[in-house]
N, C-alpha and C. Protein backbone atom coordinates (compact mmCIF):
# COMPACT_ATOMS: atom_id res chain seq x y z
N MET A 1 30.73 13.90 10.03
CA MET A 1 30.00 13.59 8.83
C MET A 1 28.63 14.24 8.94
N THR A 2 28.17 14.81 7.83
CA THR A 2 26.83 15.39 7.79
C THR A 2 26.11 14.87 6.55
N LEU A 3 24.82 14.66 6.71
CA LEU A 3 23.96 14.24 5.61
C LEU A 3 22.91 15.32 5.41
N THR A 4 22.73 15.74 4.18
CA THR A 4 21.74 16.76 3.86
C THR A 4 20.66 16.14 2.99
N ASN A 5 19.41 16.43 3.31
CA ASN A 5 18.23 15.96 2.56
C ASN A 5 17.95 14.46 2.72
N LEU A 6 18.47 13.84 3.77
CA LEU A 6 18.13 12.44 4.03
C LEU A 6 16.72 12.41 4.59
N PRO A 7 15.78 11.72 3.92
CA PRO A 7 14.40 11.66 4.43
C PRO A 7 14.35 11.02 5.81
N ALA A 8 13.43 11.48 6.63
CA ALA A 8 13.31 11.00 8.01
C ALA A 8 13.02 9.51 8.11
N PHE A 9 12.37 8.93 7.10
CA PHE A 9 12.03 7.50 7.18
C PHE A 9 13.21 6.60 6.85
N ILE A 10 14.32 7.17 6.42
CA ILE A 10 15.53 6.40 6.12
C ILE A 10 16.51 6.62 7.27
N LYS A 11 17.01 5.54 7.83
CA LYS A 11 17.91 5.63 8.97
C LYS A 11 19.36 5.42 8.53
N HIS A 12 20.25 6.20 9.12
CA HIS A 12 21.68 6.08 8.83
C HIS A 12 22.39 5.59 10.09
N GLN A 13 23.14 4.50 9.95
CA GLN A 13 23.94 3.98 11.06
C GLN A 13 25.37 4.45 10.81
N GLU A 14 25.78 5.49 11.52
CA GLU A 14 27.10 6.09 11.27
C GLU A 14 28.26 5.13 11.53
N PRO A 15 28.21 4.32 12.59
CA PRO A 15 29.38 3.45 12.82
C PRO A 15 29.67 2.51 11.65
N THR A 16 28.62 2.05 10.96
CA THR A 16 28.81 1.11 9.86
C THR A 16 28.62 1.76 8.49
N SER A 17 28.20 3.01 8.47
CA SER A 17 27.92 3.76 7.23
C SER A 17 26.78 3.15 6.43
N ASP A 18 25.94 2.37 7.08
CA ASP A 18 24.81 1.73 6.40
C ASP A 18 23.58 2.63 6.43
N PHE A 19 22.71 2.41 5.46
CA PHE A 19 21.40 3.05 5.43
C PHE A 19 20.35 1.96 5.51
N THR A 20 19.30 2.21 6.29
CA THR A 20 18.23 1.24 6.46
C THR A 20 16.91 1.89 6.09
N LEU A 21 16.18 1.22 5.23
CA LEU A 21 14.83 1.65 4.89
C LEU A 21 13.88 0.61 5.44
N PRO A 22 13.21 0.91 6.55
CA PRO A 22 12.31 -0.08 7.14
C PRO A 22 11.13 -0.37 6.21
N GLN A 23 10.59 -1.57 6.34
CA GLN A 23 9.44 -1.94 5.51
C GLN A 23 8.33 -0.93 5.73
N ASN A 24 7.72 -0.52 4.63
CA ASN A 24 6.72 0.53 4.70
C ASN A 24 5.75 0.35 3.55
N THR A 25 4.48 0.68 3.77
CA THR A 25 3.48 0.58 2.70
C THR A 25 2.90 1.94 2.34
N ASP A 26 3.57 3.01 2.73
CA ASP A 26 3.10 4.36 2.44
C ASP A 26 3.45 4.71 1.00
N LEU A 27 2.46 4.69 0.11
CA LEU A 27 2.71 4.95 -1.31
C LEU A 27 3.17 6.38 -1.56
N ALA A 28 2.95 7.26 -0.62
CA ALA A 28 3.38 8.65 -0.79
C ALA A 28 4.90 8.78 -0.74
N LEU A 29 5.60 7.75 -0.29
CA LEU A 29 7.06 7.81 -0.20
C LEU A 29 7.75 7.45 -1.51
N ILE A 30 6.99 6.97 -2.49
CA ILE A 30 7.59 6.60 -3.77
C ILE A 30 8.21 7.85 -4.40
N GLY A 31 9.43 7.72 -4.86
CA GLY A 31 10.11 8.84 -5.50
C GLY A 31 11.60 8.70 -5.39
N SER A 32 12.31 9.77 -5.75
CA SER A 32 13.77 9.77 -5.64
C SER A 32 14.18 10.89 -4.70
N TYR A 33 15.23 10.63 -3.95
CA TYR A 33 15.71 11.55 -2.94
C TYR A 33 17.21 11.75 -3.14
N VAL A 34 17.61 12.97 -3.44
CA VAL A 34 19.02 13.29 -3.63
C VAL A 34 19.59 13.72 -2.28
N VAL A 35 20.60 12.98 -1.83
CA VAL A 35 21.20 13.19 -0.52
C VAL A 35 22.65 13.63 -0.72
N THR A 36 23.08 14.59 0.06
CA THR A 36 24.48 15.02 0.04
C THR A 36 25.15 14.52 1.31
N ILE A 37 26.32 13.91 1.12
CA ILE A 37 27.09 13.42 2.25
C ILE A 37 28.41 14.19 2.27
N ARG A 38 28.79 14.64 3.46
CA ARG A 38 30.03 15.41 3.61
C ARG A 38 30.77 14.88 4.83
N SER A 39 32.04 14.58 4.61
CA SER A 39 32.89 14.14 5.71
C SER A 39 34.11 15.06 5.74
N SER A 40 34.52 15.43 6.95
CA SER A 40 35.67 16.33 7.07
C SER A 40 36.61 15.85 8.16
N ILE A 41 37.87 16.25 8.01
CA ILE A 41 38.89 15.96 9.01
C ILE A 41 39.70 17.23 9.25
N SER A 42 40.32 17.28 10.41
CA SER A 42 41.26 18.36 10.73
C SER A 42 42.66 17.76 10.75
N LYS A 43 43.49 18.15 9.78
CA LYS A 43 44.84 17.60 9.64
C LYS A 43 45.83 18.56 10.29
N PRO A 44 46.65 18.07 11.21
CA PRO A 44 47.66 18.95 11.80
C PRO A 44 48.63 19.44 10.71
N ASP A 45 49.00 20.70 10.80
CA ASP A 45 49.91 21.27 9.81
C ASP A 45 51.37 20.88 10.06
N ASP A 46 51.71 20.56 11.28
CA ASP A 46 53.09 20.13 11.58
C ASP A 46 53.07 19.28 12.84
N TYR A 47 54.26 18.88 13.29
CA TYR A 47 54.37 17.97 14.43
C TYR A 47 53.90 18.58 15.75
N ARG A 48 53.87 19.95 15.83
CA ARG A 48 53.47 20.59 17.08
C ARG A 48 51.94 20.54 17.24
N GLY A 49 51.21 20.42 16.15
CA GLY A 49 49.75 20.36 16.20
C GLY A 49 49.12 21.67 16.66
N ALA A 50 49.80 22.78 16.42
CA ALA A 50 49.28 24.08 16.83
C ALA A 50 48.24 24.60 15.84
N THR A 51 48.40 24.24 14.59
CA THR A 51 47.44 24.68 13.56
C THR A 51 46.99 23.47 12.76
N PHE A 52 45.81 23.62 12.21
CA PHE A 52 45.21 22.50 11.47
C PHE A 52 44.65 23.00 10.14
N THR A 53 44.60 22.11 9.21
CA THR A 53 43.95 22.40 7.93
C THR A 53 42.73 21.49 7.82
N GLN A 54 41.60 22.10 7.50
CA GLN A 54 40.37 21.33 7.31
C GLN A 54 40.37 20.73 5.90
N MET A 55 40.04 19.47 5.83
CA MET A 55 39.90 18.79 4.54
C MET A 55 38.52 18.12 4.54
N PHE A 56 37.89 18.10 3.37
CA PHE A 56 36.59 17.45 3.31
C PHE A 56 36.38 16.79 1.95
N VAL A 57 35.48 15.86 1.96
CA VAL A 57 35.00 15.20 0.75
C VAL A 57 33.48 15.31 0.79
N GLU A 58 32.90 15.68 -0.35
CA GLU A 58 31.45 15.83 -0.42
C GLU A 58 30.97 15.32 -1.77
N TYR A 59 29.86 14.58 -1.74
CA TYR A 59 29.26 14.13 -3.00
C TYR A 59 27.77 13.87 -2.76
N THR A 60 27.05 13.72 -3.84
CA THR A 60 25.62 13.42 -3.74
C THR A 60 25.35 12.03 -4.29
N PHE A 61 24.29 11.45 -3.80
CA PHE A 61 23.80 10.17 -4.33
C PHE A 61 22.28 10.20 -4.25
N THR A 62 21.65 9.30 -4.96
CA THR A 62 20.19 9.28 -5.03
C THR A 62 19.66 7.99 -4.42
N ILE A 63 18.64 8.14 -3.60
CA ILE A 63 17.91 6.99 -3.06
C ILE A 63 16.60 6.92 -3.81
N PHE A 64 16.35 5.79 -4.45
CA PHE A 64 15.11 5.59 -5.20
C PHE A 64 14.19 4.70 -4.37
N VAL A 65 13.01 5.18 -4.06
CA VAL A 65 11.99 4.38 -3.39
C VAL A 65 10.98 4.03 -4.47
N GLU A 66 10.95 2.77 -4.82
CA GLU A 66 10.17 2.30 -5.96
C GLU A 66 8.88 1.61 -5.50
N PRO A 67 7.94 1.45 -6.42
CA PRO A 67 6.69 0.78 -6.05
C PRO A 67 6.94 -0.64 -5.54
N CYS A 68 6.05 -1.07 -4.68
CA CYS A 68 6.09 -2.42 -4.14
C CYS A 68 5.85 -3.41 -5.29
N LEU A 69 6.58 -4.51 -5.28
CA LEU A 69 6.47 -5.52 -6.34
C LEU A 69 5.54 -6.64 -5.89
N ILE A 70 4.36 -6.66 -6.45
CA ILE A 70 3.39 -7.69 -6.12
C ILE A 70 3.69 -8.94 -6.94
N THR A 71 3.75 -10.08 -6.26
CA THR A 71 4.00 -11.34 -6.97
C THR A 71 2.71 -12.11 -7.24
N SER A 72 1.65 -11.81 -6.45
CA SER A 72 0.37 -12.47 -6.73
C SER A 72 -0.78 -11.60 -6.24
N TYR A 73 -1.90 -11.72 -6.95
CA TYR A 73 -3.14 -11.03 -6.58
C TYR A 73 -4.26 -12.02 -6.83
N VAL A 74 -4.93 -12.44 -5.75
CA VAL A 74 -5.90 -13.52 -5.86
C VAL A 74 -7.17 -13.22 -5.08
N ALA A 75 -8.24 -13.89 -5.46
CA ALA A 75 -9.49 -13.85 -4.70
C ALA A 75 -9.39 -14.94 -3.64
N THR A 76 -9.13 -14.55 -2.39
CA THR A 76 -8.98 -15.54 -1.33
C THR A 76 -10.33 -15.95 -0.75
N LEU A 77 -11.35 -15.13 -0.97
CA LEU A 77 -12.71 -15.47 -0.58
C LEU A 77 -13.62 -15.00 -1.70
N GLU A 78 -14.24 -15.96 -2.39
CA GLU A 78 -15.09 -15.63 -3.53
C GLU A 78 -16.56 -15.56 -3.13
N VAL A 79 -17.30 -14.72 -3.84
CA VAL A 79 -18.73 -14.59 -3.60
C VAL A 79 -19.40 -15.92 -3.92
N GLU A 80 -20.22 -16.38 -3.00
CA GLU A 80 -20.99 -17.60 -3.22
C GLU A 80 -22.34 -17.23 -3.80
N ASP A 81 -23.01 -18.19 -4.42
CA ASP A 81 -24.35 -17.93 -4.93
C ASP A 81 -25.25 -17.45 -3.79
N ILE A 82 -26.04 -16.44 -4.08
CA ILE A 82 -26.95 -15.88 -3.08
C ILE A 82 -28.36 -16.33 -3.46
N ARG A 83 -29.05 -16.95 -2.53
CA ARG A 83 -30.42 -17.42 -2.78
C ARG A 83 -31.37 -16.68 -1.84
N TYR A 84 -32.41 -16.09 -2.44
CA TYR A 84 -33.42 -15.36 -1.68
C TYR A 84 -34.80 -15.86 -2.08
N ASN A 85 -35.64 -16.12 -1.11
CA ASN A 85 -37.02 -16.52 -1.37
C ASN A 85 -37.92 -15.30 -1.26
N ILE A 86 -38.70 -15.03 -2.32
CA ILE A 86 -39.62 -13.90 -2.32
C ILE A 86 -40.49 -13.98 -1.05
N GLY A 87 -40.60 -12.84 -0.36
CA GLY A 87 -41.39 -12.78 0.87
C GLY A 87 -40.61 -13.12 2.12
N GLY A 88 -39.41 -13.62 1.96
CA GLY A 88 -38.58 -13.98 3.12
C GLY A 88 -37.98 -12.74 3.77
N ALA A 89 -37.33 -12.96 4.86
CA ALA A 89 -36.65 -11.87 5.57
C ALA A 89 -35.51 -11.32 4.72
N SER A 90 -35.14 -10.08 5.01
CA SER A 90 -34.00 -9.47 4.30
C SER A 90 -32.74 -10.29 4.52
N LEU A 91 -31.92 -10.33 3.51
CA LEU A 91 -30.60 -10.95 3.65
C LEU A 91 -29.60 -9.81 3.88
N LEU A 92 -28.93 -9.84 4.99
CA LEU A 92 -28.00 -8.77 5.33
C LEU A 92 -26.58 -9.29 5.38
N ASN A 93 -25.69 -8.59 4.76
CA ASN A 93 -24.26 -8.90 4.81
C ASN A 93 -23.96 -10.35 4.46
N VAL A 94 -24.40 -10.77 3.28
CA VAL A 94 -24.17 -12.15 2.83
C VAL A 94 -23.08 -12.19 1.76
N SER A 95 -22.45 -13.30 1.69
CA SER A 95 -21.47 -13.63 0.68
C SER A 95 -20.35 -12.59 0.56
N PRO A 96 -19.54 -12.47 1.61
CA PRO A 96 -18.41 -11.54 1.53
C PRO A 96 -17.34 -12.03 0.55
N TYR A 97 -16.51 -11.13 0.14
CA TYR A 97 -15.39 -11.48 -0.75
C TYR A 97 -14.14 -10.77 -0.26
N ILE A 98 -12.98 -11.35 -0.62
CA ILE A 98 -11.69 -10.76 -0.26
C ILE A 98 -10.72 -10.97 -1.42
N PHE A 99 -10.02 -9.92 -1.77
CA PHE A 99 -8.92 -10.00 -2.73
C PHE A 99 -7.64 -9.69 -1.97
N ASP A 100 -6.60 -10.49 -2.18
CA ASP A 100 -5.34 -10.29 -1.46
C ASP A 100 -4.17 -10.18 -2.43
N GLU A 101 -3.26 -9.28 -2.07
CA GLU A 101 -2.01 -9.12 -2.80
C GLU A 101 -0.88 -9.64 -1.93
N ALA A 102 0.13 -10.21 -2.57
CA ALA A 102 1.30 -10.67 -1.83
C ALA A 102 2.54 -10.18 -2.56
N PRO A 103 3.43 -9.53 -1.86
CA PRO A 103 3.28 -9.09 -0.48
C PRO A 103 2.23 -7.99 -0.38
N VAL A 104 1.83 -7.68 0.85
CA VAL A 104 0.84 -6.63 1.06
C VAL A 104 1.49 -5.28 0.80
N CYS A 105 1.01 -4.60 -0.23
CA CYS A 105 1.55 -3.30 -0.61
C CYS A 105 0.57 -2.17 -0.34
N ASN A 106 -0.65 -2.52 -0.02
CA ASN A 106 -1.72 -1.55 0.25
C ASN A 106 -2.03 -0.65 -0.94
N TYR A 107 -1.93 -1.20 -2.13
CA TYR A 107 -2.35 -0.43 -3.29
C TYR A 107 -3.86 -0.24 -3.22
N PRO A 108 -4.35 0.90 -3.68
CA PRO A 108 -5.81 1.11 -3.66
C PRO A 108 -6.50 0.04 -4.52
N GLU A 109 -7.58 -0.49 -4.00
CA GLU A 109 -8.31 -1.55 -4.70
C GLU A 109 -9.58 -0.96 -5.30
N THR A 110 -9.83 -1.30 -6.54
CA THR A 110 -11.06 -0.89 -7.21
C THR A 110 -11.84 -2.14 -7.57
N VAL A 111 -13.04 -2.24 -7.03
CA VAL A 111 -13.90 -3.38 -7.31
C VAL A 111 -15.05 -2.89 -8.17
N THR A 112 -15.28 -3.58 -9.29
CA THR A 112 -16.40 -3.22 -10.16
C THR A 112 -17.32 -4.42 -10.30
N LEU A 113 -18.61 -4.13 -10.37
CA LEU A 113 -19.62 -5.16 -10.54
C LEU A 113 -20.36 -4.90 -11.83
N THR A 114 -20.62 -5.95 -12.56
CA THR A 114 -21.41 -5.86 -13.79
C THR A 114 -22.66 -6.69 -13.60
N ASN A 115 -23.80 -6.12 -13.96
CA ASN A 115 -25.10 -6.80 -13.92
C ASN A 115 -25.65 -7.01 -12.51
N LEU A 116 -25.20 -6.24 -11.53
CA LEU A 116 -25.80 -6.35 -10.20
C LEU A 116 -27.20 -5.75 -10.28
N PRO A 117 -28.25 -6.52 -9.94
CA PRO A 117 -29.60 -5.97 -10.03
C PRO A 117 -29.80 -4.81 -9.07
N THR A 118 -30.67 -3.90 -9.43
CA THR A 118 -30.87 -2.68 -8.65
C THR A 118 -31.42 -2.95 -7.25
N PHE A 119 -32.09 -4.07 -7.04
CA PHE A 119 -32.64 -4.36 -5.72
C PHE A 119 -31.58 -4.91 -4.75
N ALA A 120 -30.44 -5.30 -5.25
CA ALA A 120 -29.36 -5.82 -4.41
C ALA A 120 -28.42 -4.68 -4.04
N ARG A 121 -27.90 -4.72 -2.82
CA ARG A 121 -26.99 -3.66 -2.36
C ARG A 121 -25.59 -4.24 -2.15
N HIS A 122 -24.62 -3.56 -2.75
CA HIS A 122 -23.21 -3.90 -2.56
C HIS A 122 -22.72 -3.07 -1.38
N ASN A 123 -22.30 -3.69 -0.30
CA ASN A 123 -21.97 -3.00 0.94
C ASN A 123 -20.50 -2.57 1.04
N ALA A 124 -19.90 -2.27 -0.08
CA ALA A 124 -18.49 -1.85 -0.06
C ALA A 124 -18.40 -0.35 0.17
N PRO A 125 -17.37 0.14 0.78
CA PRO A 125 -16.23 -0.63 1.31
C PRO A 125 -16.41 -1.05 2.76
N ALA A 126 -17.58 -0.78 3.33
CA ALA A 126 -17.79 -1.08 4.76
C ALA A 126 -17.57 -2.54 5.09
N SER A 127 -18.14 -3.45 4.29
CA SER A 127 -18.02 -4.86 4.63
C SER A 127 -17.75 -5.78 3.44
N ASP A 128 -17.67 -5.23 2.23
CA ASP A 128 -17.37 -6.03 1.04
C ASP A 128 -18.24 -7.28 0.94
N ASP A 129 -19.55 -7.07 1.03
CA ASP A 129 -20.51 -8.16 0.88
C ASP A 129 -21.79 -7.57 0.28
N PHE A 130 -22.90 -8.31 0.39
CA PHE A 130 -24.14 -7.90 -0.27
C PHE A 130 -25.33 -8.02 0.67
N SER A 131 -26.36 -7.23 0.40
CA SER A 131 -27.62 -7.32 1.14
C SER A 131 -28.78 -7.25 0.15
N LEU A 132 -29.86 -7.98 0.46
CA LEU A 132 -31.08 -7.94 -0.35
C LEU A 132 -32.24 -7.63 0.59
N PRO A 133 -32.98 -6.57 0.30
CA PRO A 133 -34.09 -6.21 1.19
C PRO A 133 -35.26 -7.19 1.02
N LYS A 134 -36.08 -7.26 2.06
CA LYS A 134 -37.30 -8.07 1.99
C LYS A 134 -38.19 -7.52 0.88
N THR A 135 -38.72 -8.44 0.07
CA THR A 135 -39.61 -8.01 -1.01
C THR A 135 -40.65 -9.09 -1.29
N ALA A 136 -41.79 -8.65 -1.80
CA ALA A 136 -42.84 -9.58 -2.24
C ALA A 136 -43.06 -9.43 -3.74
N ASP A 137 -42.16 -8.75 -4.43
CA ASP A 137 -42.28 -8.45 -5.86
C ASP A 137 -41.95 -9.70 -6.68
N LEU A 138 -42.99 -10.35 -7.20
CA LEU A 138 -42.79 -11.58 -7.99
C LEU A 138 -42.09 -11.32 -9.31
N ALA A 139 -42.04 -10.07 -9.76
CA ALA A 139 -41.36 -9.74 -11.01
C ALA A 139 -39.84 -9.93 -10.88
N LEU A 140 -39.36 -10.06 -9.67
CA LEU A 140 -37.92 -10.22 -9.47
C LEU A 140 -37.46 -11.67 -9.54
N LEU A 141 -38.41 -12.60 -9.67
CA LEU A 141 -38.03 -14.02 -9.77
C LEU A 141 -37.05 -14.21 -10.92
N GLY A 142 -36.05 -15.04 -10.69
CA GLY A 142 -35.10 -15.34 -11.76
C GLY A 142 -33.69 -15.47 -11.22
N ALA A 143 -32.78 -15.68 -12.14
CA ALA A 143 -31.36 -15.79 -11.80
C ALA A 143 -30.64 -14.59 -12.42
N TYR A 144 -29.73 -14.03 -11.69
CA TYR A 144 -28.98 -12.86 -12.13
C TYR A 144 -27.49 -13.20 -12.05
N THR A 145 -26.82 -13.16 -13.17
CA THR A 145 -25.39 -13.45 -13.20
C THR A 145 -24.62 -12.13 -13.06
N VAL A 146 -23.88 -12.04 -11.98
CA VAL A 146 -23.13 -10.82 -11.67
C VAL A 146 -21.64 -11.12 -11.83
N LYS A 147 -20.94 -10.20 -12.45
CA LYS A 147 -19.48 -10.34 -12.60
C LYS A 147 -18.80 -9.37 -11.65
N ILE A 148 -17.84 -9.87 -10.88
CA ILE A 148 -17.08 -9.02 -9.96
C ILE A 148 -15.63 -9.01 -10.44
N LYS A 149 -15.06 -7.82 -10.45
CA LYS A 149 -13.69 -7.65 -10.93
C LYS A 149 -12.93 -6.72 -10.00
N SER A 150 -11.72 -7.09 -9.68
CA SER A 150 -10.87 -6.22 -8.86
C SER A 150 -9.55 -6.05 -9.57
């Protein structure tokens, strides 16, 4: 038996004729793969077995590797209110956040912030949290409502 165009990440168990696709999160593998399978036998032409006739069966089939099916996407760690006192020390790496998908498919995540003040730093993607530098600027007093979306 020979298989043509079987991708390396798909395993074929010849004794059972099964195909195994191990769990994988590589999005580059999404697509369709046309595989040709050919099986041949040598049939004796008569009882003496001196000559043989080759017989074969060949056909193609398609393996579809489809996107991972996410059943939930949640904020497992939400940003907490950040409080800074004017003149105080810098706040570094405060209020981290985490968004999780189940199952884990490793889809690229895009996080957007609305109304983040210019003096605050969003430390993504290094640590997915925030920092506020030390300041004595009284004009910054107030509350800032920031919206985070993933």
